[in-house]
């Protein structure tokens, strides 16, 4: 059997698969976002439309960066747990 790292490398483990597709509440929220963004993009004109689309693009970029930061932070936290587990535990002494 392949190691965890090999499974991750070959794409057999997908850390980005968070199960949102099955979450009805998340799906409703995403639908609301899509509907409102479409409405505003279709309704606004001129400078207001440009500013709204700039806002939507900036928010999307920020959200992506924030999600990446959370993933990296979580990964580092997990690595710290592993290090603490294997490196900070005092060795077991043999009883004589």
PDB file of N, CA and C in Angstrom:
ATOM      1  N   UNK A   1       0.840  -1.178   0.000  1.00  0.00           N
ATOM      2  CA  UNK A   1       0.000   0.000   0.000  1.00  0.00           C
ATOM      3  C   UNK A   1       0.885   1.241   0.000  1.00  0.00           C
ATOM      4  N   UNK A   2       0.454   2.246  -0.749  1.00  0.00           N
ATOM      5  CA  UNK A   2       1.202   3.491  -0.839  1.00  0.00           C
ATOM      6  C   UNK A   2       1.065   4.279   0.455  1.00  0.00           C
ATOM      7  N   UNK A   3       2.108   5.052   0.746  1.00  0.00           N
ATOM      8  CA  UNK A   3       2.083   5.885   1.941  1.00  0.00           C
ATOM      9  C   UNK A   3       1.071   7.017   1.769  1.00  0.00           C
ATOM     10  N   UNK A   4       0.758   7.660   2.872  1.00  0.00           N
ATOM     11  CA  UNK A   4      -0.166   8.796   2.863  1.00  0.00           C
ATOM     12  C   UNK A   4       0.319   9.872   1.899  1.00  0.00           C
ATOM     13  N   UNK A   5       1.603  10.170   1.932  1.00  0.00           N
ATOM     14  CA  UNK A   5       2.151  11.221   1.073  1.00  0.00           C
ATOM     15  C   UNK A   5       2.042  10.809  -0.396  1.00  0.00           C
ATOM     16  N   UNK A   6       2.296   9.534  -0.706  1.00  0.00           N
ATOM     17  CA  UNK A   6       2.135   9.065  -2.084  1.00  0.00           C
ATOM     18  C   UNK A   6       0.675   9.142  -2.523  1.00  0.00           C
ATOM     19  N   UNK A   7      -0.239   8.785  -1.641  1.00  0.00           N
ATOM     20  CA  UNK A   7      -1.662   8.872  -1.968  1.00  0.00           C
ATOM     21  C   UNK A   7      -2.051  10.321  -2.269  1.00  0.00           C
ATOM     22  N   UNK A   8      -1.544  11.256  -1.467  1.00  0.00           N
ATOM     23  CA  UNK A   8      -1.804  12.678  -1.686  1.00  0.00           C
ATOM     24  C   UNK A   8      -1.216  13.122  -3.028  1.00  0.00           C
ATOM     25  N   UNK A   9       0.016  12.710  -3.312  1.00  0.00           N
ATOM     26  CA  UNK A   9       0.694  13.093  -4.545  1.00  0.00           C
ATOM     27  C   UNK A   9      -0.075  12.615  -5.774  1.00  0.00           C
ATOM     28  N   UNK A  10      -0.552  11.388  -5.740  1.00  0.00           N
ATOM     29  CA  UNK A  10      -1.246  10.818  -6.888  1.00  0.00           C
ATOM     30  C   UNK A  10      -2.713  11.237  -6.983  1.00  0.00           C
ATOM     31  N   UNK A  11      -3.157  12.079  -6.068  1.00  0.00           N
ATOM     32  CA  UNK A  11      -4.507  12.608  -6.144  1.00  0.00           C
ATOM     33  C   UNK A  11      -5.579  11.714  -5.564  1.00  0.00           C
ATOM     34  N   UNK A  12      -5.182  10.681  -4.843  1.00  0.00           N
ATOM     35  CA  UNK A  12      -6.156   9.783  -4.228  1.00  0.00           C
ATOM     36  C   UNK A  12      -6.742  10.370  -2.948  1.00  0.00           C
ATOM     37  N   UNK A  13      -6.085  11.386  -2.420  1.00  0.00           N
ATOM     38  CA  UNK A  13      -6.581  12.125  -1.259  1.00  0.00           C
ATOM     39  C   UNK A  13      -6.778  13.558  -1.725  1.00  0.00           C
ATOM     40  N   UNK A  14      -7.965  14.083  -1.545  1.00  0.00           N
ATOM     41  CA  UNK A  14      -8.273  15.427  -2.004  1.00  0.00           C
ATOM     42  C   UNK A  14      -8.600  16.314  -0.806  1.00  0.00           C
ATOM     43  N   UNK A  15      -7.601  17.062  -0.303  1.00  0.00           N
ATOM     44  CA  UNK A  15      -7.853  17.887   0.880  1.00  0.00           C
ATOM     45  C   UNK A  15      -8.827  19.021   0.619  1.00  0.00           C
ATOM     46  N   UNK A  16      -9.064  19.368  -0.644  1.00  0.00           N
ATOM     47  CA  UNK A  16      -9.992  20.448  -0.963  1.00  0.00           C
ATOM     48  C   UNK A  16     -11.435  19.974  -1.006  1.00  0.00           C
ATOM     49  N   UNK A  17     -11.649  18.679  -0.997  1.00  0.00           N
ATOM     50  CA  UNK A  17     -13.004  18.139  -1.050  1.00  0.00           C
ATOM     51  C   UNK A  17     -13.614  18.235   0.340  1.00  0.00           C
ATOM     52  N   UNK A  18     -14.354  19.298   0.549  1.00  0.00           N
ATOM     53  CA  UNK A  18     -14.878  19.542   1.892  1.00  0.00           C
ATOM     54  C   UNK A  18     -16.322  19.086   2.069  1.00  0.00           C
ATOM     55  N   UNK A  19     -16.924  18.564   1.024  1.00  0.00           N
ATOM     56  CA  UNK A  19     -18.285  18.082   1.149  1.00  0.00           C
ATOM     57  C   UNK A  19     -19.346  19.153   1.025  1.00  0.00           C
ATOM     58  N   UNK A  20     -18.993  20.340   0.521  1.00  0.00           N
ATOM     59  CA  UNK A  20     -19.977  21.409   0.361  1.00  0.00           C
ATOM     60  C   UNK A  20     -21.076  21.032  -0.615  1.00  0.00           C
ATOM     61  N   UNK A  21     -20.765  20.155  -1.570  1.00  0.00           N
ATOM     62  CA  UNK A  21     -21.753  19.800  -2.578  1.00  0.00           C
ATOM     63  C   UNK A  21     -22.990  19.177  -1.943  1.00  0.00           C
ATOM     64  N   UNK A  22     -22.819  18.507  -0.827  1.00  0.00           N
ATOM     65  CA  UNK A  22     -23.918  17.820  -0.165  1.00  0.00           C
ATOM     66  C   UNK A  22     -24.606  18.660   0.915  1.00  0.00           C
ATOM     67  N   UNK A  23     -24.086  19.831   1.196  1.00  0.00           N
ATOM     68  CA  UNK A  23     -24.614  20.682   2.258  1.00  0.00           C
ATOM     69  C   UNK A  23     -25.676  21.614   1.686  1.00  0.00           C
ATOM     70  N   UNK A  24     -26.944  21.356   2.016  1.00  0.00           N
ATOM     71  CA  UNK A  24     -28.052  22.147   1.459  1.00  0.00           C
ATOM     72  C   UNK A  24     -27.963  23.613   1.854  1.00  0.00           C
ATOM     73  N   UNK A  25     -27.559  23.891   3.076  1.00  0.00           N
ATOM     74  CA  UNK A  25     -27.437  25.281   3.523  1.00  0.00           C
ATOM     75  C   UNK A  25     -26.404  26.036   2.714  1.00  0.00           C
ATOM     76  N   UNK A  26     -25.274  25.412   2.466  1.00  0.00           N
ATOM     77  CA  UNK A  26     -24.227  26.049   1.661  1.00  0.00           C
ATOM     78  C   UNK A  26     -24.719  26.245   0.234  1.00  0.00           C
ATOM     79  N   UNK A  27     -25.408  25.255  -0.301  1.00  0.00           N
ATOM     80  CA  UNK A  27     -25.925  25.372  -1.668  1.00  0.00           C
ATOM     81  C   UNK A  27     -26.929  26.520  -1.786  1.00  0.00           C
ATOM     82  N   UNK A  28     -27.796  26.696  -0.775  1.00  0.00           N
ATOM     83  CA  UNK A  28     -28.750  27.808  -0.789  1.00  0.00           C
ATOM     84  C   UNK A  28     -28.013  29.149  -0.745  1.00  0.00           C
ATOM     85  N   UNK A  29     -26.992  29.223   0.081  1.00  0.00           N
ATOM     86  CA  UNK A  29     -26.214  30.457   0.184  1.00  0.00           C
ATOM     87  C   UNK A  29     -25.510  30.764  -1.134  1.00  0.00           C
ATOM     88  N   UNK A  30     -24.915  29.765  -1.743  1.00  0.00           N
ATOM     89  CA  UNK A  30     -24.249  29.971  -3.032  1.00  0.00           C
ATOM     90  C   UNK A  30     -25.245  30.404  -4.104  1.00  0.00           C
ATOM     91  N   UNK A  31     -26.430  29.824  -4.081  1.00  0.00           N
ATOM     92  CA  UNK A  31     -27.468  30.203  -5.047  1.00  0.00           C
ATOM     93  C   UNK A  31     -27.880  31.661  -4.849  1.00  0.00           C
ATOM     94  N   UNK A  32     -28.019  32.075  -3.604  1.00  0.00           N
ATOM     95  CA  UNK A  32     -28.359  33.471  -3.306  1.00  0.00           C
ATOM     96  C   UNK A  32     -27.268  34.407  -3.813  1.00  0.00           C
ATOM     97  N   UNK A  33     -26.033  34.042  -3.581  1.00  0.00           N
ATOM     98  CA  UNK A  33     -24.907  34.856  -4.063  1.00  0.00           C
ATOM     99  C   UNK A  33     -24.950  34.968  -5.582  1.00  0.00           C
ATOM    100  N   UNK A  34     -25.120  33.830  -6.260  1.00  0.00           N
ATOM    101  CA  UNK A  34     -25.166  33.840  -7.731  1.00  0.00           C
ATOM    102  C   UNK A  34     -26.316  34.693  -8.253  1.00  0.00           C
ATOM    103  N   UNK A  35     -27.487  34.508  -7.677  1.00  0.00           N
ATOM    104  CA  UNK A  35     -28.659  35.261  -8.144  1.00  0.00           C
ATOM    105  C   UNK A  35     -28.472  36.762  -7.956  1.00  0.00           C
ATOM    106  N   UNK A  36     -27.960  37.164  -6.799  1.00  0.00           N
ATOM    107  CA  UNK A  36     -27.768  38.587  -6.536  1.00  0.00           C
ATOM    108  C   UNK A  36     -26.652  39.171  -7.394  1.00  0.00           C
ATOM    109  N   UNK A  37     -25.583  38.424  -7.588  1.00  0.00           N
ATOM    110  CA  UNK A  37     -24.506  38.916  -8.444  1.00  0.00           C
ATOM    111  C   UNK A  37     -25.004  39.077  -9.880  1.00  0.00           C
ATOM    112  N   UNK A  38     -25.743  38.100 -10.374  1.00  0.00           N
ATOM    113  CA  UNK A  38     -26.293  38.202 -11.733  1.00  0.00           C
ATOM    114  C   UNK A  38     -27.248  39.389 -11.851  1.00  0.00           C
ATOM    115  N   UNK A  39     -28.121  39.550 -10.855  1.00  0.00           N
ATOM    116  CA  UNK A  39     -29.074  40.656 -10.878  1.00  0.00           C
ATOM    117  C   UNK A  39     -28.348  41.997 -10.925  1.00  0.00           C
ATOM    118  N   UNK A  40     -27.379  42.171 -10.040  1.00  0.00           N
ATOM    119  CA  UNK A  40     -26.667  43.447  -9.984  1.00  0.00           C
ATOM    120  C   UNK A  40     -25.853  43.689 -11.256  1.00  0.00           C
ATOM    121  N   UNK A  41     -25.215  42.637 -11.776  1.00  0.00           N
ATOM    122  CA  UNK A  41     -24.431  42.800 -13.000  1.00  0.00           C
ATOM    123  C   UNK A  41     -25.336  43.168 -14.185  1.00  0.00           C
ATOM    124  N   UNK A  42     -26.551  42.624 -14.206  1.00  0.00           N
ATOM    125  CA  UNK A  42     -27.482  42.920 -15.295  1.00  0.00           C
ATOM    126  C   UNK A  42     -28.190  44.265 -15.121  1.00  0.00           C
ATOM    127  N   UNK A  43     -28.374  44.703 -13.880  1.00  0.00           N
ATOM    128  CA  UNK A  43     -29.152  45.902 -13.594  1.00  0.00           C
ATOM    129  C   UNK A  43     -28.296  47.170 -13.582  1.00  0.00           C
ATOM    130  N   UNK A  44     -27.133  47.077 -12.981  1.00  0.00           N
ATOM    131  CA  UNK A  44     -26.287  48.264 -12.860  1.00  0.00           C
ATOM    132  C   UNK A  44     -25.702  48.646 -14.214  1.00  0.00           C
ATOM    133  N   UNK A  45     -25.384  49.916 -14.355  1.00  0.00           N
ATOM    134  CA  UNK A  45     -24.761  50.397 -15.590  1.00  0.00           C
ATOM    135  C   UNK A  45     -23.620  51.337 -15.238  1.00  0.00           C
ATOM    136  N   UNK A  46     -22.790  51.576 -16.189  1.00  0.00           N
ATOM    137  CA  UNK A  46     -21.733  52.570 -16.047  1.00  0.00           C
ATOM    138  C   UNK A  46     -20.789  52.309 -14.894  1.00  0.00           C
ATOM    139  N   UNK A  47     -20.524  53.405 -14.171  1.00  0.00           N
ATOM    140  CA  UNK A  47     -19.561  53.361 -13.056  1.00  0.00           C
ATOM    141  C   UNK A  47     -20.017  52.411 -11.948  1.00  0.00           C
ATOM    142  N   UNK A  48     -21.326  52.376 -11.647  1.00  0.00           N
ATOM    143  CA  UNK A  48     -21.826  51.484 -10.599  1.00  0.00           C
ATOM    144  C   UNK A  48     -21.550  50.019 -10.947  1.00  0.00           C
ATOM    145  N   UNK A  49     -21.783  49.645 -12.204  1.00  0.00           N
ATOM    146  CA  UNK A  49     -21.530  48.269 -12.631  1.00  0.00           C
ATOM    147  C   UNK A  49     -20.041  47.945 -12.534  1.00  0.00           C
ATOM    148  N   UNK A  50     -19.196  48.871 -12.999  1.00  0.00           N
ATOM    149  CA  UNK A  50     -17.752  48.655 -12.935  1.00  0.00           C
ATOM    150  C   UNK A  50     -17.297  48.465 -11.487  1.00  0.00           C
ATOM    151  N   UNK A  51     -17.790  49.346 -10.605  1.00  0.00           N
ATOM    152  CA  UNK A  51     -17.394  49.242  -9.192  1.00  0.00           C
ATOM    153  C   UNK A  51     -17.894  47.941  -8.566  1.00  0.00           C
ATOM    154  N   UNK A  52     -19.108  47.522  -8.891  1.00  0.00           N
ATOM    155  CA  UNK A  52     -19.618  46.261  -8.358  1.00  0.00           C
ATOM    156  C   UNK A  52     -18.775  45.090  -8.842  1.00  0.00           C
ATOM    157  N   UNK A  53     -18.464  45.052 -10.140  1.00  0.00           N
ATOM    158  CA  UNK A  53     -17.660  43.944 -10.668  1.00  0.00           C
ATOM    159  C   UNK A  53     -16.248  43.963 -10.097  1.00  0.00           C
ATOM    160  N   UNK A  54     -15.687  45.157  -9.891  1.00  0.00           N
ATOM    161  CA  UNK A  54     -14.373  45.259  -9.235  1.00  0.00           C
ATOM    162  C   UNK A  54     -14.453  44.721  -7.804  1.00  0.00           C
ATOM    163  N   UNK A  55     -15.538  45.086  -7.114  1.00  0.00           N
ATOM    164  CA  UNK A  55     -15.752  44.582  -5.749  1.00  0.00           C
ATOM    165  C   UNK A  55     -15.840  43.058  -5.745  1.00  0.00           C
ATOM    166  N   UNK A  56     -16.657  42.498  -6.649  1.00  0.00           N
ATOM    167  CA  UNK A  56     -16.841  41.044  -6.700  1.00  0.00           C
ATOM    168  C   UNK A  56     -15.520  40.338  -6.996  1.00  0.00           C
ATOM    169  N   UNK A  57     -14.732  40.880  -7.918  1.00  0.00           N
ATOM    170  CA  UNK A  57     -13.429  40.290  -8.246  1.00  0.00           C
ATOM    171  C   UNK A  57     -12.467  40.376  -7.057  1.00  0.00           C
ATOM    172  N   UNK A  58     -12.439  41.540  -6.394  1.00  0.00           N
ATOM    173  CA  UNK A  58     -11.545  41.715  -5.239  1.00  0.00           C
ATOM    174  C   UNK A  58     -11.945  40.775  -4.104  1.00  0.00           C
ATOM    175  N   UNK A  59     -13.254  40.655  -3.858  1.00  0.00           N
ATOM    176  CA  UNK A  59     -13.728  39.768  -2.800  1.00  0.00           C
ATOM    177  C   UNK A  59     -13.362  38.318  -3.113  1.00  0.00           C
ATOM    178  N   UNK A  60     -13.519  37.927  -4.353  1.00  0.00           N
ATOM    179  CA  UNK A  60     -13.180  36.566  -4.767  1.00  0.00           C
ATOM    180  C   UNK A  60     -11.687  36.299  -4.562  1.00  0.00           C
ATOM    181  N   UNK A  61     -10.855  37.255  -4.929  1.00  0.00           N
ATOM    182  CA  UNK A  61      -9.410  37.119  -4.753  1.00  0.00           C
ATOM    183  C   UNK A  61      -9.051  37.026  -3.267  1.00  0.00           C
ATOM    184  N   UNK A  62      -9.636  37.918  -2.469  1.00  0.00           N
ATOM    185  CA  UNK A  62      -9.390  37.894  -1.023  1.00  0.00           C
ATOM    186  C   UNK A  62      -9.841  36.566  -0.421  1.00  0.00           C
ATOM    187  N   UNK A  63     -11.012  36.099  -0.801  1.00  0.00           N
ATOM    188  CA  UNK A  63     -11.546  34.846  -0.273  1.00  0.00           C
ATOM    189  C   UNK A  63     -10.631  33.680  -0.624  1.00  0.00           C
ATOM    190  N   UNK A  64     -10.117  33.657  -1.865  1.00  0.00           N
ATOM    191  CA  UNK A  64      -9.191  32.596  -2.266  1.00  0.00           C
ATOM    192  C   UNK A  64      -7.906  32.633  -1.454  1.00  0.00           C
ATOM    193  N   UNK A  65      -7.353  33.836  -1.272  1.00  0.00           N
ATOM    194  CA  UNK A  65      -6.131  33.972  -0.466  1.00  0.00           C
ATOM    195  C   UNK A  65      -6.375  33.563   0.979  1.00  0.00           C
ATOM    196  N   UNK A  66      -7.520  33.951   1.520  1.00  0.00           N
ATOM    197  CA  UNK A  66      -7.867  33.615   2.897  1.00  0.00           C
ATOM    198  C   UNK A  66      -8.035  32.106   3.069  1.00  0.00           C
ATOM    199  N   UNK A  67      -8.668  31.465   2.096  1.00  0.00           N
ATOM    200  CA  UNK A  67      -8.851  30.016   2.143  1.00  0.00           C
ATOM    201  C   UNK A  67      -7.504  29.307   2.093  1.00  0.00           C
ATOM    202  N   UNK A  68      -6.616  29.777   1.216  1.00  0.00           N
ATOM    203  CA  UNK A  68      -5.267  29.199   1.134  1.00  0.00           C
ATOM    204  C   UNK A  68      -4.540  29.359   2.464  1.00  0.00           C
ATOM    205  N   UNK A  69      -4.623  30.544   3.052  1.00  0.00           N
ATOM    206  CA  UNK A  69      -3.960  30.786   4.330  1.00  0.00           C
ATOM    207  C   UNK A  69      -4.496  29.848   5.413  1.00  0.00           C
ATOM    208  N   UNK A  70      -5.808  29.650   5.442  1.00  0.00           N
ATOM    209  CA  UNK A  70      -6.395  28.729   6.416  1.00  0.00           C
ATOM    210  C   UNK A  70      -5.922  27.299   6.206  1.00  0.00           C
ATOM    211  N   UNK A  71      -5.812  26.883   4.944  1.00  0.00           N
ATOM    212  CA  UNK A  71      -5.334  25.536   4.637  1.00  0.00           C
ATOM    213  C   UNK A  71      -3.892  25.362   5.100  1.00  0.00           C
ATOM    214  N   UNK A  72      -3.038  26.332   4.767  1.00  0.00           N
ATOM    215  CA  UNK A  72      -1.631  26.248   5.152  1.00  0.00           C
ATOM    216  C   UNK A  72      -1.499  26.257   6.672  1.00  0.00           C
ATOM    217  N   UNK A  73      -2.248  27.121   7.343  1.00  0.00           N
ATOM    218  CA  UNK A  73      -2.208  27.188   8.804  1.00  0.00           C
ATOM    219  C   UNK A  73      -2.641  25.858   9.418  1.00  0.00           C
ATOM    220  N   UNK A  74      -3.710  25.276   8.892  1.00  0.00           N
ATOM    221  CA  UNK A  74      -4.178  23.983   9.390  1.00  0.00           C
ATOM    222  C   UNK A  74      -3.159  22.886   9.162  1.00  0.00           C
ATOM    223  N   UNK A  75      -2.526  22.894   8.009  1.00  0.00           N
ATOM    224  CA  UNK A  75      -1.506  21.889   7.697  1.00  0.00           C
ATOM    225  C   UNK A  75      -0.332  22.020   8.658  1.00  0.00           C
ATOM    226  N   UNK A  76       0.086  23.261   8.907  1.00  0.00           N
ATOM    227  CA  UNK A  76       1.202  23.483   9.839  1.00  0.00           C
ATOM    228  C   UNK A  76       0.827  23.065  11.259  1.00  0.00           C
ATOM    229  N   UNK A  77      -0.405  23.331  11.663  1.00  0.00           N
ATOM    230  CA  UNK A  77      -0.863  22.910  12.976  1.00  0.00           C
ATOM    231  C   UNK A  77      -0.813  21.390  13.091  1.00  0.00           C
ATOM    232  N   UNK A  78      -1.283  20.707  12.050  1.00  0.00           N
ATOM    233  CA  UNK A  78      -1.224  19.248  12.042  1.00  0.00           C
ATOM    234  C   UNK A  78       0.210  18.745  12.131  1.00  0.00           C
ATOM    235  N   UNK A  79       1.113  19.400  11.410  1.00  0.00           N
ATOM    236  CA  UNK A  79       2.523  19.014  11.465  1.00  0.00           C
ATOM    237  C   UNK A  79       3.094  19.218  12.874  1.00  0.00           C
ATOM    238  N   UNK A  80       2.664  20.285  13.536  1.00  0.00           N
ATOM    239  CA  UNK A  80       3.120  20.521  14.917  1.00  0.00           C
ATOM    240  C   UNK A  80       2.621  19.424  15.856  1.00  0.00           C
ATOM    241  N   UNK A  81       1.386  18.955  15.651  1.00  0.00           N
ATOM    242  CA  UNK A  81       0.876  17.841  16.447  1.00  0.00           C
ATOM    243  C   UNK A  81       1.737  16.596  16.244  1.00  0.00           C
ATOM    244  N   UNK A  82       2.089  16.328  14.995  1.00  0.00           N
ATOM    245  CA  UNK A  82       2.914  15.155  14.699  1.00  0.00           C
ATOM    246  C   UNK A  82       4.289  15.298  15.342  1.00  0.00           C
ATOM    247  N   UNK A  83       4.894  16.471  15.184  1.00  0.00           N
ATOM    248  CA  UNK A  83       6.212  16.694  15.785  1.00  0.00           C
ATOM    249  C   UNK A  83       6.143  16.532  17.298  1.00  0.00           C
ATOM    250  N   UNK A  84       5.129  17.108  17.915  1.00  0.00           N
ATOM    251  CA  UNK A  84       4.999  17.014  19.365  1.00  0.00           C
ATOM    252  C   UNK A  84       4.809  15.559  19.797  1.00  0.00           C
ATOM    253  N   UNK A  85       4.042  14.826  19.011  1.00  0.00           N
ATOM    254  CA  UNK A  85       3.776  13.427  19.344  1.00  0.00           C
ATOM    255  C   UNK A  85       5.041  12.593  19.309  1.00  0.00           C
ATOM    256  N   UNK A  86       5.859  12.790  18.292  1.00  0.00           N
ATOM    257  CA  UNK A  86       7.013  11.908  18.100  1.00  0.00           C
ATOM    258  C   UNK A  86       8.327  12.458  18.627  1.00  0.00           C
ATOM    259  N   UNK A  87       8.426  13.766  18.803  1.00  0.00           N
ATOM    260  CA  UNK A  87       9.703  14.334  19.214  1.00  0.00           C
ATOM    261  C   UNK A  87       9.719  14.855  20.646  1.00  0.00           C
ATOM    262  N   UNK A  88       8.566  15.146  21.206  1.00  0.00           N
ATOM    263  CA  UNK A  88       8.532  15.744  22.533  1.00  0.00           C
ATOM    264  C   UNK A  88       8.211  14.756  23.638  1.00  0.00           C
ATOM    265  N   UNK A  89       7.932  13.525  23.291  1.00  0.00           N
ATOM    266  CA  UNK A  89       7.595  12.522  24.284  1.00  0.00           C
ATOM    267  C   UNK A  89       8.891  11.956  24.868  1.00  0.00           C
ATOM    268  N   UNK A  90       9.000  11.977  26.193  1.00  0.00           N
ATOM    269  CA  UNK A  90      10.225  11.416  26.776  1.00  0.00           C
ATOM    270  C   UNK A  90      10.308   9.923  26.463  1.00  0.00           C
ATOM    271  N   UNK A  91      11.502   9.451  26.239  1.00  0.00           N
ATOM    272  CA  UNK A  91      11.653   8.026  25.916  1.00  0.00           C
ATOM    273  C   UNK A  91      11.208   7.143  27.091  1.00  0.00           C
ATOM    274  N   UNK A  92      10.698   5.976  26.758  1.00  0.00           N
ATOM    275  CA  UNK A  92      10.291   5.014  27.758  1.00  0.00           C
ATOM    276  C   UNK A  92      11.545   4.348  28.301  1.00  0.00           C
ATOM    277  N   UNK A  93      11.643   4.318  29.623  1.00  0.00           N
ATOM    278  CA  UNK A  93      12.819   3.697  30.258  1.00  0.00           C
ATOM    279  C   UNK A  93      12.545   2.242  30.514  1.00  0.00           C
ATOM    280  N   UNK A  94      13.529   1.435  30.245  1.00  0.00           N
ATOM    281  CA  UNK A  94      13.418   0.003  30.547  1.00  0.00           C
ATOM    282  C   UNK A  94      13.499  -0.195  32.044  1.00  0.00           C
ATOM    283  N   UNK A  95      12.628  -1.031  32.557  1.00  0.00           N
ATOM    284  CA  UNK A  95      12.677  -1.358  33.989  1.00  0.00           C
ATOM    285  C   UNK A  95      13.637  -2.515  34.164  1.00  0.00           C
ATOM    286  N   UNK A  96      14.501  -2.380  35.105  1.00  0.00           N
ATOM    287  CA  UNK A  96      15.478  -3.444  35.343  1.00  0.00           C
ATOM    288  C   UNK A  96      15.153  -4.223  36.586  1.00  0.00           C
TER     289      UNK A  96
END
